[in-house]
Every structure is written in structure tokens, then in C-alpha cells.
Amino acid sequence: MIIRNIDVNGDWIYGKGKNDYMRDLNALKVDLITRLKQWKFDCFFAVDEGIDYKNFLDRGTQIFLDNDIKRVTLQTDGVLRMDTFESTIELDERIYQAEMNIATIYGSFEFLFAA
């Protein structure tokens, strides 16, 4: 797998030729981050892709958000399974965090995602 790298703001990196691209496990991590940050109905050519943050960052909806995060993670190319999953939600600040151990075709890694 090869994918263009992103900076801390999630924007594509340009200007360094081949060094702007990630390979294998690092590429998979960038792809996963990008897919998890995509809001459902936000991309005109893939309206059913992404996470329904608009409806699921509310009281009593954490299980639905967890299920969406798991679905997108497991549907990411190269992901084999999710060995562990824990999440927290801070409703006053509308911050969601998920920590998971993911097995991929490149090996396993701990992944912390915040939205």
C-alpha cells in the first residue's frame, strides 16, 4: 500500500517528491485516520462512507458511535481484525476517543483516535 502522507492538520503533504508518500503499515495508519475523520454524507461521491458524528456525539449514542468506528476500521483495506477496543466520550466538550489494538497484513499496532 502506498498513500500520500498528511500533516498534523490532516492536509496532504507536498513538495518532497516520493518522500511525501507512506508505505505499508504507515500508509495503512494514514488511510485509517483519514477514513475515521470523514463525516457521513460529507463526500459527494461516497455519501454512505464515514462516521455519523453529527447524530452520534450526544447523550446515549456512544454505542452507535463505537459501532461506526469499528465498522470503518474493519472495512479499511489491510485491516484483519480488532483485538481490543475501548472508548470514552466527553459530552460537554464533544470529544470522543477510541483506543484499539488492530491486527493488519503488516503487523499489529496500538491505535488512539480522537474526534
Protein backbone atom coordinates (compact mmCIF):
# COMPACT_ATOMS: atom_id res chain seq x y z
CA MET A 1 0.00 0.00 0.00
CA ILE A 2 1.21 3.50 -0.86
CA ILE A 3 -0.63 6.67 0.16
CA ARG A 4 0.17 10.39 0.33
CA ASN A 5 1.15 11.45 3.84
CA ILE A 6 -0.79 14.03 5.86
CA ASP A 7 0.34 16.69 8.30
CA VAL A 8 -0.96 17.26 11.84
CA ASN A 9 -3.97 19.14 10.43
CA GLY A 10 -4.92 16.26 8.14
CA ASP A 11 -3.81 18.07 4.97
CA TRP A 12 -1.83 16.32 2.25
CA ILE A 13 1.91 16.94 2.23
CA TYR A 14 3.53 18.19 -0.99
CA GLY A 15 6.95 19.33 -2.16
CA LYS A 16 9.24 16.40 -1.32
CA GLY A 17 8.52 14.05 -4.23
CA LYS A 18 8.49 10.39 -3.21
CA ASN A 19 9.10 11.36 0.42
CA ASP A 20 5.53 12.69 0.52
CA TYR A 21 4.22 9.12 0.38
CA MET A 22 3.90 6.49 3.08
CA ARG A 23 4.17 2.75 2.53
CA ASP A 24 2.84 -0.42 4.16
CA LEU A 25 1.90 -0.06 7.85
CA ASN A 26 2.43 3.72 7.93
CA ALA A 27 0.26 4.09 4.82
CA LEU A 28 -2.45 1.98 6.42
CA LYS A 29 -2.38 4.20 9.53
CA VAL A 30 -2.77 7.36 7.41
CA ASP A 31 -5.62 5.75 5.46
CA LEU A 32 -7.35 4.74 8.70
CA ILE A 33 -7.02 8.22 10.21
CA THR A 34 -8.42 9.79 7.04
CA ARG A 35 -11.35 7.36 6.90
CA LEU A 36 -12.22 7.84 10.59
CA LYS A 37 -12.20 11.63 10.24
CA GLN A 38 -14.60 11.54 7.30
CA TRP A 39 -18.11 12.66 8.25
CA LYS A 40 -21.01 10.68 6.81
CA PHE A 41 -22.79 12.47 3.92
CA ASP A 42 -19.82 14.87 3.56
CA CYS A 43 -18.27 13.41 0.39
CA PHE A 44 -20.46 13.76 -2.70
CA PHE A 45 -19.17 10.57 -4.35
CA ALA A 46 -19.30 8.44 -1.18
CA VAL A 47 -22.21 9.73 0.92
CA ASP A 48 -22.61 6.45 2.85
CA GLU A 49 -18.93 6.35 3.87
CA GLY A 50 -17.62 7.85 7.08
CA ILE A 51 -18.86 8.35 10.61
CA ASP A 52 -22.19 9.90 11.59
CA TYR A 53 -20.64 12.34 14.07
CA LYS A 54 -23.49 14.83 13.70
CA ASN A 55 -26.02 12.41 15.22
CA PHE A 56 -23.78 10.27 17.43
CA LEU A 57 -21.90 12.86 19.53
CA ASP A 58 -24.76 13.15 22.00
CA ARG A 59 -26.03 11.57 25.20
CA GLY A 60 -26.98 7.91 24.92
CA THR A 61 -25.40 7.43 21.49
CA GLN A 62 -21.88 6.24 22.33
CA ILE A 63 -22.70 2.64 21.37
CA PHE A 64 -23.73 3.80 17.89
CA LEU A 65 -20.55 5.85 17.51
CA ASP A 66 -18.49 2.87 18.71
CA ASN A 67 -20.16 0.65 16.13
CA ASP A 68 -19.48 3.17 13.33
CA ILE A 69 -15.81 3.47 14.37
CA LYS A 70 -15.46 -0.32 14.44
CA ARG A 71 -17.21 -0.70 11.06
CA VAL A 72 -15.00 1.83 9.29
CA THR A 73 -11.86 0.43 10.93
CA LEU A 74 -12.63 -3.15 9.95
CA GLN A 75 -13.57 -2.13 6.39
CA THR A 76 -10.21 -0.41 5.86
CA ASP A 77 -8.02 -2.23 3.32
CA GLY A 78 -5.31 -4.21 5.09
CA VAL A 79 -7.06 -4.46 8.48
CA LEU A 80 -7.58 -8.08 9.52
CA ARG A 81 -9.21 -7.72 12.92
CA MET A 82 -9.57 -5.57 16.01
CA ASP A 83 -8.24 -7.32 19.12
CA THR A 84 -9.23 -4.72 21.72
CA PHE A 85 -11.47 -1.65 21.75
CA GLU A 86 -12.19 0.94 24.45
CA SER A 87 -13.79 4.33 24.06
CA THR A 88 -14.67 7.40 26.08
CA ILE A 89 -16.83 10.38 25.28
CA GLU A 90 -16.76 13.81 26.90
CA LEU A 91 -20.18 15.22 26.07
CA ASP A 92 -19.63 18.75 27.37
CA GLU A 93 -16.60 19.17 25.10
CA ARG A 94 -17.99 16.81 22.40
CA ILE A 95 -14.73 14.83 22.35
CA TYR A 96 -14.64 11.15 21.53
CA GLN A 97 -11.60 8.89 21.98
CA ALA A 98 -11.16 5.29 20.97
CA GLU A 99 -8.18 3.11 21.78
CA MET A 100 -7.80 -0.14 19.89
CA ASN A 101 -5.30 -2.83 19.07
CA ILE A 102 -5.51 -3.58 15.36
CA ALA A 103 -4.06 -6.58 13.50
CA THR A 104 -3.17 -5.82 9.88
CA ILE A 105 -1.43 -7.53 6.98
CA TYR A 106 1.68 -5.58 8.08
CA GLY A 107 1.53 -6.46 11.79
CA SER A 108 -0.35 -5.29 14.89
CA PHE A 109 -0.32 -1.85 16.46
CA GLU A 110 -1.99 0.22 19.18
CA PHE A 111 -4.14 2.99 17.75
CA LEU A 112 -5.55 6.00 19.61
CA PHE A 113 -8.14 8.01 17.72
CA ALA A 114 -9.70 11.27 18.91
CA ALA A 115 -12.51 13.20 17.28
